[in-house]
Protein backbone atom coordinates (compact mmCIF):
# COMPACT_ATOMS: atom_id res chain seq x y z
CA MET A 1 -0.13 -0.05 -0.38
CA LYS A 2 1.01 3.65 -0.78
CA ILE A 3 -0.42 6.69 0.88
CA ALA A 4 0.55 10.23 -0.46
CA ILE A 5 0.63 13.13 2.08
CA PRO A 6 0.45 17.05 0.65
CA THR A 7 3.24 18.36 2.67
CA SER A 8 4.50 21.76 3.49
CA ASN A 9 6.85 23.16 5.79
CA GLY A 10 6.97 19.76 7.46
CA LEU A 11 3.66 19.55 8.47
CA LEU A 12 0.38 18.33 5.97
CA CYS A 13 -0.58 21.13 3.62
CA ASN A 14 -4.62 21.75 3.45
CA HIS A 15 -4.98 22.30 0.13
CA PHE A 16 -3.42 18.89 -0.61
CA GLY A 17 -2.89 21.16 -4.91
CA HIS A 18 -0.75 23.86 -3.19
CA CYS A 19 1.77 21.64 -1.13
CA ASP A 20 5.35 22.15 -1.67
CA VAL A 21 6.09 17.53 -2.10
CA PHE A 22 3.73 15.06 -2.12
CA THR A 23 5.05 12.72 1.06
CA ILE A 24 4.66 9.16 0.11
CA PHE A 25 4.51 6.04 2.02
CA GLU A 26 5.52 2.49 0.73
CA ILE A 27 3.04 0.37 4.09
CA ASP A 28 3.67 -3.58 4.57
CA GLU A 29 -0.17 -3.92 5.56
CA VAL A 30 -0.14 -7.25 7.30
CA SER A 31 3.22 -6.01 9.53
CA LYS A 32 1.64 -2.33 9.09
CA LYS A 33 5.90 -1.19 8.99
CA ILE A 34 6.73 1.60 6.97
CA HIS A 35 8.86 0.19 4.29
CA LYS A 36 9.71 3.51 2.78
CA THR A 37 9.48 7.18 2.65
CA GLU A 38 10.24 9.48 0.27
CA GLU A 39 9.37 13.26 -0.83
CA ILE A 40 7.81 13.77 -4.53
CA THR A 41 8.13 17.62 -5.71
CA PRO A 42 4.59 18.04 -7.86
CA PRO A 43 4.30 19.44 -11.52
CA PRO A 44 2.75 22.19 -11.29
CA HIS A 45 -0.78 22.74 -10.43
CA GLU A 46 -3.15 22.33 -12.52
CA PRO A 47 -6.93 21.51 -12.89
CA GLY A 48 -7.16 17.81 -12.80
CA LYS A 49 -3.87 17.30 -13.18
CA LEU A 50 -2.71 16.11 -9.47
CA PRO A 51 -4.99 12.75 -9.52
CA PRO A 52 -3.90 10.98 -11.91
CA TRP A 53 0.30 11.60 -11.85
CA ILE A 54 -0.14 9.94 -7.88
CA ALA A 55 -1.77 7.20 -9.78
CA ALA A 56 0.52 6.93 -11.81
CA GLN A 57 2.89 6.81 -8.60
CA GLY A 58 1.87 3.73 -7.20
CA VAL A 59 -0.62 5.80 -4.57
CA ASN A 60 -3.69 4.09 -2.88
CA VAL A 61 -4.65 6.69 -0.59
CA VAL A 62 -4.26 10.77 0.65
CA LEU A 63 -5.12 11.63 3.30
CA ALA A 64 -6.00 15.25 2.92
CA GLY A 65 -6.99 18.51 4.51
CA GLY A 66 -9.16 19.91 2.18
CA MET A 67 -10.09 18.40 -1.88
CA GLY A 68 -12.57 20.17 -3.71
CA LYS A 69 -15.43 17.47 -5.28
CA ARG A 70 -13.77 17.17 -8.72
CA ALA A 71 -10.53 16.23 -7.55
CA ILE A 72 -11.54 13.54 -4.92
CA ASP A 73 -14.42 12.22 -8.27
CA LEU A 74 -10.56 12.47 -10.49
CA PHE A 75 -8.98 11.00 -8.26
CA SER A 76 -11.51 7.71 -6.88
CA ALA A 77 -12.00 7.14 -11.13
CA ASN A 78 -7.99 6.88 -11.05
CA GLY A 79 -8.59 4.15 -8.32
CA VAL A 80 -7.33 6.50 -5.37
CA ASP A 81 -9.40 6.79 -2.03
CA VAL A 82 -9.36 10.22 -0.56
CA ILE A 83 -9.72 10.69 2.94
CA VAL A 84 -10.12 14.84 3.19
CA GLY A 85 -10.50 16.77 6.85
CA VAL A 86 -7.17 15.06 8.59
CA MET A 87 -6.38 17.58 11.25
CA SER A 88 -2.21 19.05 10.06
CA ASP A 89 0.53 16.97 11.53
CA THR A 90 3.49 14.83 10.80
CA PRO A 91 3.22 12.86 7.80
CA GLY A 92 5.07 10.23 9.61
CA LYS A 93 2.22 10.59 12.49
CA LEU A 94 -0.49 10.23 10.37
CA VAL A 95 0.04 7.38 8.58
CA GLU A 96 1.08 5.63 11.93
CA LYS A 97 -3.01 6.58 13.47
CA PHE A 98 -3.81 5.45 9.58
CA MET A 99 -2.67 2.59 10.56
CA GLU A 100 -4.12 1.92 13.42
CA LYS A 101 -7.52 3.45 12.72
CA LYS A 102 -6.94 6.03 14.91
CA LEU A 103 -6.98 8.83 12.03
CA ILE A 104 -9.90 11.25 12.77
CA SER A 105 -11.31 13.56 9.55
CA GLY A 106 -13.47 16.05 9.77
CA GLN A 107 -14.72 18.87 7.33
CA ASN A 108 -13.27 19.63 4.33
CA VAL A 109 -11.85 22.35 4.66
CA CYS A 110 -11.88 23.15 0.93
CA ASP A 111 -14.83 24.56 -0.72
CA HIS A 112 -14.42 24.25 -4.56
């Protein structure tokens, strides 16, 4: 499993399309251990461009603070699950919470 988190200044970026990098974690679902972590600089922000790019990285899940409905639909069409309303924290802590099924998500902070 691969999980991507839009990151700026070492924390979850509230708007995925405006992050500095995507921190991508490769996880063993059985052991719940992180095998690999990498930061990848996304292409310039353009509507509709990031979902297929993220899917091409082999990502299965995106954890985001906010994301527009169209982007969520495009991720879904590319086979990527999205969890929105995630509260800002370090990417490593968010992945740990997700794997332990303790990740709390709330309101989608994006309204477009």
